[in-house]
Amino acid sequence: MLSSSKVLYRSYRPEDYAACERLVNQAWQFDKHFSPASLSTLMKQFYTADVPLMSNFNLIAEVEGEVAGFIFGHNNLRPKKRLPFSYNLKGLFKLIKFWGLSDVSFGQKKALMSMLSCHARNRASLLEEWGSEITLFVIDARFQGMGIGSQMTEAFFSDCRDSGEHVINVEANVVEAGAFYQKVGFVYVNEFSSPLHGLCSRSDRAGLYAYQL
């Protein structure tokens, strides 16, 4: 069993990004579900790169110098982060790069864009304003079951509680992750169908879970 004294909890640093992207890939297996490699690489960036920039809460769990997990969240009662001028340009560049992938057919690109749109549309129809929310949260499989996830969610709860927030939301796959969130105190509220969840998980059931502070 890993000793809690060996886990360092600290703020995210830009040099942590590669490790965070690796953990996202471990959890959702972009390399398995998206091919060729150029597409899976770009999808990992689409899914991960903007989150550290947009989140006003971030926490890294480090074990012996290695990133063992992370949590990014949005506390609706804290000031929003000011995005750098280059943010929109980088987003546009990634979109241009996506449509310019020569080894991916136009049909495949169109189908993927349709899946992204469907996910966003169904999510918004369930809850238009998600408020304070855990936006991205992964613990390395080697360190799961050791209490790191509970420590990290509690840190976000405390941050929101100190700000006067009353509810925290999270989107999670009902089959894959619902049990964990309920274990740490979230309550199942509702769900929507997501082709993205269906592609990267065992189920297309994307759940909305809420934690009352």
C-alpha atoms as a PDB file:
ATOM      1  CA  MET A   1       0.000   0.000   0.000  1.00  0.00           C
ATOM      2  CA  LEU A   2       1.303   3.414  -0.945  1.00  0.00           C
ATOM      3  CA  SER A   3       1.990   5.644   2.035  1.00  0.00           C
ATOM      4  CA  SER A   4       0.144   8.964   1.927  1.00  0.00           C
ATOM      5  CA  SER A   5       3.421  10.638   2.908  1.00  0.00           C
ATOM      6  CA  LYS A   6       4.846   9.658  -0.486  1.00  0.00           C
ATOM      7  CA  VAL A   7       2.171  11.568  -2.399  1.00  0.00           C
ATOM      8  CA  LEU A   8       2.867  15.229  -3.118  1.00  0.00           C
ATOM      9  CA  TYR A   9      -0.139  17.367  -4.015  1.00  0.00           C
ATOM     10  CA  ARG A  10       0.745  20.535  -5.880  1.00  0.00           C
ATOM     11  CA  SER A  11      -0.473  22.973  -8.517  1.00  0.00           C
ATOM     12  CA  TYR A  12      -0.283  22.139 -12.198  1.00  0.00           C
ATOM     13  CA  ARG A  13       2.764  23.336 -14.129  1.00  0.00           C
ATOM     14  CA  PRO A  14       2.988  23.609 -17.950  1.00  0.00           C
ATOM     15  CA  GLU A  15       5.692  20.950 -17.988  1.00  0.00           C
ATOM     16  CA  ASP A  16       3.120  18.475 -16.582  1.00  0.00           C
ATOM     17  CA  TYR A  17       1.096  18.567 -19.789  1.00  0.00           C
ATOM     18  CA  ALA A  18       2.733  15.571 -21.510  1.00  0.00           C
ATOM     19  CA  ALA A  19       2.121  13.389 -18.441  1.00  0.00           C
ATOM     20  CA  CYS A  20      -1.512  14.537 -18.241  1.00  0.00           C
ATOM     21  CA  GLU A  21      -2.064  13.723 -21.897  1.00  0.00           C
ATOM     22  CA  ARG A  22      -0.513  10.287 -21.336  1.00  0.00           C
ATOM     23  CA  LEU A  23      -2.925   9.612 -18.468  1.00  0.00           C
ATOM     24  CA  VAL A  24      -5.893  10.780 -20.549  1.00  0.00           C
ATOM     25  CA  ASN A  25      -4.823   8.329 -23.243  1.00  0.00           C
ATOM     26  CA  GLN A  26      -4.477   5.576 -20.644  1.00  0.00           C
ATOM     27  CA  ALA A  27      -8.025   6.204 -19.425  1.00  0.00           C
ATOM     28  CA  TRP A  28      -9.786   6.635 -22.762  1.00  0.00           C
ATOM     29  CA  GLN A  29      -7.409   4.789 -25.111  1.00  0.00           C
ATOM     30  CA  PHE A  30      -7.364   7.296 -27.949  1.00  0.00           C
ATOM     31  CA  ASP A  31      -4.649   5.236 -29.635  1.00  0.00           C
ATOM     32  CA  LYS A  32      -7.040   2.287 -29.769  1.00  0.00           C
ATOM     33  CA  HIS A  33     -10.232   4.077 -30.788  1.00  0.00           C
ATOM     34  CA  PHE A  34      -8.876   6.618 -33.279  1.00  0.00           C
ATOM     35  CA  SER A  35      -6.714   5.744 -36.247  1.00  0.00           C
ATOM     36  CA  PRO A  36      -4.419   6.495 -37.966  1.00  0.00           C
ATOM     37  CA  ALA A  37      -1.880   7.773 -35.435  1.00  0.00           C
ATOM     38  CA  SER A  38      -2.150  11.341 -36.730  1.00  0.00           C
ATOM     39  CA  LEU A  39      -5.841  11.408 -35.777  1.00  0.00           C
ATOM     40  CA  SER A  40      -5.375   9.884 -32.324  1.00  0.00           C
ATOM     41  CA  THR A  41      -2.593  12.390 -31.575  1.00  0.00           C
ATOM     42  CA  LEU A  42      -4.793  15.305 -32.569  1.00  0.00           C
ATOM     43  CA  MET A  43      -7.804  13.978 -30.631  1.00  0.00           C
ATOM     44  CA  LYS A  44      -5.708  13.745 -27.467  1.00  0.00           C
ATOM     45  CA  GLN A  45      -4.796  17.396 -27.940  1.00  0.00           C
ATOM     46  CA  PHE A  46      -8.426  18.372 -28.622  1.00  0.00           C
ATOM     47  CA  TYR A  47      -9.536  16.631 -25.441  1.00  0.00           C
ATOM     48  CA  THR A  48      -6.720  17.706 -23.113  1.00  0.00           C
ATOM     49  CA  ALA A  49      -4.871  20.843 -24.187  1.00  0.00           C
ATOM     50  CA  ASP A  50      -7.522  23.481 -23.412  1.00  0.00           C
ATOM     51  CA  VAL A  51      -8.505  22.167 -19.989  1.00  0.00           C
ATOM     52  CA  PRO A  52      -5.497  23.445 -17.979  1.00  0.00           C
ATOM     53  CA  LEU A  53      -5.890  26.850 -19.616  1.00  0.00           C
ATOM     54  CA  MET A  54      -9.606  27.175 -18.860  1.00  0.00           C
ATOM     55  CA  SER A  55      -9.737  25.624 -15.375  1.00  0.00           C
ATOM     56  CA  ASN A  56      -9.402  27.872 -12.333  1.00  0.00           C
ATOM     57  CA  PHE A  57      -8.707  24.904 -10.070  1.00  0.00           C
ATOM     58  CA  ASN A  58      -5.905  22.454 -10.801  1.00  0.00           C
ATOM     59  CA  LEU A  59      -4.117  19.896  -8.684  1.00  0.00           C
ATOM     60  CA  ILE A  60      -1.426  17.353  -9.477  1.00  0.00           C
ATOM     61  CA  ALA A  61      -0.644  14.223  -7.461  1.00  0.00           C
ATOM     62  CA  GLU A  62       3.026  13.342  -7.705  1.00  0.00           C
ATOM     63  CA  VAL A  63       4.718  10.146  -6.526  1.00  0.00           C
ATOM     64  CA  GLU A  64       8.524  10.056  -6.515  1.00  0.00           C
ATOM     65  CA  GLY A  65       8.695  12.765  -9.160  1.00  0.00           C
ATOM     66  CA  GLU A  66       6.099  11.154 -11.438  1.00  0.00           C
ATOM     67  CA  VAL A  67       2.627  12.545 -12.144  1.00  0.00           C
ATOM     68  CA  ALA A  68       0.260   9.954 -10.682  1.00  0.00           C
ATOM     69  CA  GLY A  69      -2.964  11.843 -11.291  1.00  0.00           C
ATOM     70  CA  PHE A  70      -4.589  15.206 -11.792  1.00  0.00           C
ATOM     71  CA  ILE A  71      -7.855  17.042 -11.330  1.00  0.00           C
ATOM     72  CA  PHE A  72      -8.980  20.149 -13.199  1.00  0.00           C
ATOM     73  CA  GLY A  73     -12.130  21.962 -12.262  1.00  0.00           C
ATOM     74  CA  HIS A  74     -14.114  25.133 -12.708  1.00  0.00           C
ATOM     75  CA  ASN A  75     -15.206  26.948  -9.565  1.00  0.00           C
ATOM     76  CA  ASN A  76     -18.020  29.177 -10.760  1.00  0.00           C
ATOM     77  CA  LEU A  77     -17.586  31.588  -7.832  1.00  0.00           C
ATOM     78  CA  ARG A  78     -13.918  32.254  -8.461  1.00  0.00           C
ATOM     79  CA  PRO A  79     -12.682  34.613 -11.212  1.00  0.00           C
ATOM     80  CA  LYS A  80     -12.415  33.014 -14.618  1.00  0.00           C
ATOM     81  CA  LYS A  81      -8.886  32.596 -15.939  1.00  0.00           C
ATOM     82  CA  ARG A  82      -7.816  35.109 -18.530  1.00  0.00           C
ATOM     83  CA  LEU A  83      -6.997  33.171 -21.660  1.00  0.00           C
ATOM     84  CA  PRO A  84      -3.853  34.144 -23.572  1.00  0.00           C
ATOM     85  CA  PHE A  85      -4.223  35.935 -26.896  1.00  0.00           C
ATOM     86  CA  SER A  86      -2.889  32.849 -28.666  1.00  0.00           C
ATOM     87  CA  TYR A  87      -5.718  30.629 -27.356  1.00  0.00           C
ATOM     88  CA  ASN A  88      -8.156  31.190 -30.222  1.00  0.00           C
ATOM     89  CA  LEU A  89      -5.370  31.026 -32.802  1.00  0.00           C
ATOM     90  CA  LYS A  90      -4.202  27.660 -31.490  1.00  0.00           C
ATOM     91  CA  GLY A  91      -7.768  26.355 -31.536  1.00  0.00           C
ATOM     92  CA  LEU A  92      -8.197  27.484 -35.138  1.00  0.00           C
ATOM     93  CA  PHE A  93      -4.862  25.916 -36.069  1.00  0.00           C
ATOM     94  CA  LYS A  94      -5.901  22.554 -34.578  1.00  0.00           C
ATOM     95  CA  LEU A  95      -9.168  22.657 -36.500  1.00  0.00           C
ATOM     96  CA  ILE A  96      -7.357  23.453 -39.751  1.00  0.00           C
ATOM     97  CA  LYS A  97      -4.892  20.674 -39.030  1.00  0.00           C
ATOM     98  CA  PHE A  98      -7.760  18.244 -38.414  1.00  0.00           C
ATOM     99  CA  TRP A  99      -9.457  18.953 -41.761  1.00  0.00           C
ATOM    100  CA  GLY A 100      -6.067  18.847 -43.454  1.00  0.00           C
ATOM    101  CA  LEU A 101      -5.112  15.330 -42.308  1.00  0.00           C
ATOM    102  CA  SER A 102      -4.273  13.613 -45.563  1.00  0.00           C
ATOM    103  CA  ASP A 103      -4.466  10.070 -44.165  1.00  0.00           C
ATOM    104  CA  VAL A 104      -8.015  10.485 -42.822  1.00  0.00           C
ATOM    105  CA  SER A 105     -10.959  10.371 -45.216  1.00  0.00           C
ATOM    106  CA  PHE A 106     -13.422  13.231 -45.466  1.00  0.00           C
ATOM    107  CA  GLY A 107     -16.190  10.849 -44.432  1.00  0.00           C
ATOM    108  CA  GLN A 108     -14.324   9.892 -41.260  1.00  0.00           C
ATOM    109  CA  LYS A 109     -13.712  13.539 -40.396  1.00  0.00           C
ATOM    110  CA  LYS A 110     -17.352  14.429 -40.999  1.00  0.00           C
ATOM    111  CA  ALA A 111     -18.567  11.517 -38.870  1.00  0.00           C
ATOM    112  CA  LEU A 112     -16.287  12.529 -36.002  1.00  0.00           C
ATOM    113  CA  MET A 113     -17.447  16.146 -36.137  1.00  0.00           C
ATOM    114  CA  SER A 114     -21.031  14.879 -36.066  1.00  0.00           C
ATOM    115  CA  MET A 115     -20.264  12.854 -32.925  1.00  0.00           C
ATOM    116  CA  LEU A 116     -18.724  15.888 -31.222  1.00  0.00           C
ATOM    117  CA  SER A 117     -21.723  18.030 -32.122  1.00  0.00           C
ATOM    118  CA  CYS A 118     -24.163  15.385 -30.918  1.00  0.00           C
ATOM    119  CA  HIS A 119     -22.361  15.109 -27.572  1.00  0.00           C
ATOM    120  CA  ALA A 120     -22.357  18.890 -27.059  1.00  0.00           C
ATOM    121  CA  ARG A 121     -25.999  19.222 -28.087  1.00  0.00           C
ATOM    122  CA  ASN A 122     -27.245  16.398 -25.852  1.00  0.00           C
ATOM    123  CA  ARG A 123     -25.163  17.639 -22.934  1.00  0.00           C
ATOM    124  CA  ALA A 124     -26.569  21.166 -23.244  1.00  0.00           C
ATOM    125  CA  SER A 125     -30.128  19.880 -23.527  1.00  0.00           C
ATOM    126  CA  LEU A 126     -29.686  18.050 -20.222  1.00  0.00           C
ATOM    127  CA  LEU A 127     -28.216  21.049 -18.378  1.00  0.00           C
ATOM    128  CA  GLU A 128     -27.523  24.283 -20.227  1.00  0.00           C
ATOM    129  CA  GLU A 129     -25.383  25.820 -17.480  1.00  0.00           C
ATOM    130  CA  TRP A 130     -23.179  23.295 -15.678  1.00  0.00           C
ATOM    131  CA  GLY A 131     -21.820  25.782 -13.110  1.00  0.00           C
ATOM    132  CA  SER A 132     -18.999  24.575 -10.895  1.00  0.00           C
ATOM    133  CA  GLU A 133     -17.716  21.338 -12.387  1.00  0.00           C
ATOM    134  CA  ILE A 134     -14.931  18.780 -12.393  1.00  0.00           C
ATOM    135  CA  THR A 135     -13.782  19.134 -15.986  1.00  0.00           C
ATOM    136  CA  LEU A 136     -11.039  16.497 -16.261  1.00  0.00           C
ATOM    137  CA  PHE A 137      -9.882  13.986 -13.661  1.00  0.00           C
ATOM    138  CA  VAL A 138      -7.628  10.941 -14.068  1.00  0.00           C
ATOM    139  CA  ILE A 139      -5.613   8.780 -11.690  1.00  0.00           C
ATOM    140  CA  ASP A 140      -2.920   6.503 -13.102  1.00  0.00           C
ATOM    141  CA  ALA A 141      -4.170   2.908 -13.043  1.00  0.00           C
ATOM    142  CA  ARG A 142      -1.111   1.900 -10.994  1.00  0.00           C
ATOM    143  CA  PHE A 143      -2.137   4.221  -8.150  1.00  0.00           C
ATOM    144  CA  GLN A 144      -5.899   3.735  -8.096  1.00  0.00           C
ATOM    145  CA  GLY A 145      -7.516   2.405  -4.945  1.00  0.00           C
ATOM    146  CA  MET A 146      -5.009   4.169  -2.704  1.00  0.00           C
ATOM    147  CA  GLY A 147      -7.086   7.175  -1.724  1.00  0.00           C
ATOM    148  CA  ILE A 148      -5.504   9.667  -4.111  1.00  0.00           C
ATOM    149  CA  GLY A 149      -8.737  10.288  -5.996  1.00  0.00           C
ATOM    150  CA  SER A 150     -10.677  10.933  -2.794  1.00  0.00           C
ATOM    151  CA  GLN A 151      -8.025  13.376  -1.589  1.00  0.00           C
ATOM    152  CA  MET A 152      -8.106  15.281  -4.867  1.00  0.00           C
ATOM    153  CA  THR A 153     -11.896  15.538  -5.078  1.00  0.00           C
ATOM    154  CA  GLU A 154     -12.024  16.683  -1.451  1.00  0.00           C
ATOM    155  CA  ALA A 155      -9.515  19.434  -2.286  1.00  0.00           C
ATOM    156  CA  PHE A 156     -11.853  20.701  -5.012  1.00  0.00           C
ATOM    157  CA  PHE A 157     -14.851  20.429  -2.688  1.00  0.00           C
ATOM    158  CA  SER A 158     -13.013  22.547  -0.118  1.00  0.00           C
ATOM    159  CA  ASP A 159     -12.093  25.172  -2.701  1.00  0.00           C
ATOM    160  CA  CYS A 160     -15.717  25.497  -3.826  1.00  0.00           C
ATOM    161  CA  ARG A 161     -17.045  25.403  -0.258  1.00  0.00           C
ATOM    162  CA  ASP A 162     -14.704  28.204   0.787  1.00  0.00           C
ATOM    163  CA  SER A 163     -16.027  30.290  -2.104  1.00  0.00           C
ATOM    164  CA  GLY A 164     -19.624  29.812  -1.026  1.00  0.00           C
ATOM    165  CA  GLU A 165     -20.592  27.348  -3.740  1.00  0.00           C
ATOM    166  CA  HIS A 166     -23.376  24.860  -3.004  1.00  0.00           C
ATOM    167  CA  VAL A 167     -23.323  22.390  -5.909  1.00  0.00           C
ATOM    168  CA  ILE A 168     -20.566  20.749  -7.963  1.00  0.00           C
ATOM    169  CA  ASN A 169     -21.410  18.854 -11.155  1.00  0.00           C
ATOM    170  CA  VAL A 170     -19.492  16.283 -13.137  1.00  0.00           C
ATOM    171  CA  GLU A 171     -20.082  14.417 -16.378  1.00  0.00           C
ATOM    172  CA  ALA A 172     -19.040  10.783 -16.111  1.00  0.00           C
ATOM    173  CA  ASN A 173     -19.719   7.562 -17.926  1.00  0.00           C
ATOM    174  CA  VAL A 174     -22.442   5.798 -15.957  1.00  0.00           C
ATOM    175  CA  VAL A 175     -20.933   2.345 -16.446  1.00  0.00           C
ATOM    176  CA  GLU A 176     -17.229   3.154 -16.230  1.00  0.00           C
ATOM    177  CA  ALA A 177     -16.989   5.902 -13.601  1.00  0.00           C
ATOM    178  CA  GLY A 178     -20.385   6.388 -11.978  1.00  0.00           C
ATOM    179  CA  ALA A 179     -19.606   4.134  -9.018  1.00  0.00           C
ATOM    180  CA  PHE A 180     -16.489   6.121  -8.071  1.00  0.00           C
ATOM    181  CA  TYR A 181     -18.282   9.460  -8.061  1.00  0.00           C
ATOM    182  CA  GLN A 182     -21.112   8.064  -5.992  1.00  0.00           C
ATOM    183  CA  LYS A 183     -18.540   6.650  -3.564  1.00  0.00           C
ATOM    184  CA  VAL A 184     -17.082  10.121  -2.935  1.00  0.00           C
ATOM    185  CA  GLY A 185     -20.527  11.654  -2.412  1.00  0.00           C
ATOM    186  CA  PHE A 186     -21.942  12.569  -5.812  1.00  0.00           C
ATOM    187  CA  VAL A 187     -25.578  11.737  -6.559  1.00  0.00           C
ATOM    188  CA  TYR A 188     -26.811  10.553  -9.945  1.00  0.00           C
ATOM    189  CA  VAL A 189     -29.131  13.192 -11.441  1.00  0.00           C
ATOM    190  CA  ASN A 190     -29.777  12.306 -15.076  1.00  0.00           C
ATOM    191  CA  GLU A 191     -28.021  11.108 -18.215  1.00  0.00           C
ATOM    192  CA  PHE A 192     -27.751  11.688 -21.936  1.00  0.00           C
ATOM    193  CA  SER A 193     -26.676   9.575 -24.884  1.00  0.00           C
ATOM    194  CA  SER A 194     -23.179  10.326 -26.153  1.00  0.00           C
ATOM    195  CA  PRO A 195     -21.599   8.676 -29.199  1.00  0.00           C
ATOM    196  CA  LEU A 196     -18.192   9.719 -27.854  1.00  0.00           C
ATOM    197  CA  HIS A 197     -18.762   7.792 -24.635  1.00  0.00           C
ATOM    198  CA  GLY A 198     -19.982   4.880 -26.722  1.00  0.00           C
ATOM    199  CA  LEU A 199     -16.796   4.958 -28.777  1.00  0.00           C
ATOM    200  CA  CYS A 200     -14.318   5.172 -25.890  1.00  0.00           C
ATOM    201  CA  SER A 201     -16.232   3.299 -23.160  1.00  0.00           C
ATOM    202  CA  ARG A 202     -18.447   0.270 -22.732  1.00  0.00           C
ATOM    203  CA  SER A 203     -21.562   2.426 -22.798  1.00  0.00           C
ATOM    204  CA  ASP A 204     -22.887   5.588 -24.448  1.00  0.00           C
ATOM    205  CA  ARG A 205     -24.559   6.619 -21.161  1.00  0.00           C
ATOM    206  CA  ALA A 206     -23.056   9.940 -20.079  1.00  0.00           C
ATOM    207  CA  GLY A 207     -24.275  10.766 -16.599  1.00  0.00           C
ATOM    208  CA  LEU A 208     -24.733  14.032 -14.756  1.00  0.00           C
ATOM    209  CA  TYR A 209     -23.734  13.692 -11.104  1.00  0.00           C
ATOM    210  CA  ALA A 210     -24.079  16.422  -8.470  1.00  0.00           C
ATOM    211  CA  TYR A 211     -22.357  16.946  -5.128  1.00  0.00           C
ATOM    212  CA  GLN A 212     -24.170  19.072  -2.532  1.00  0.00           C
ATOM    213  CA  LEU A 213     -21.829  21.144  -0.373  1.00  0.00           C
END
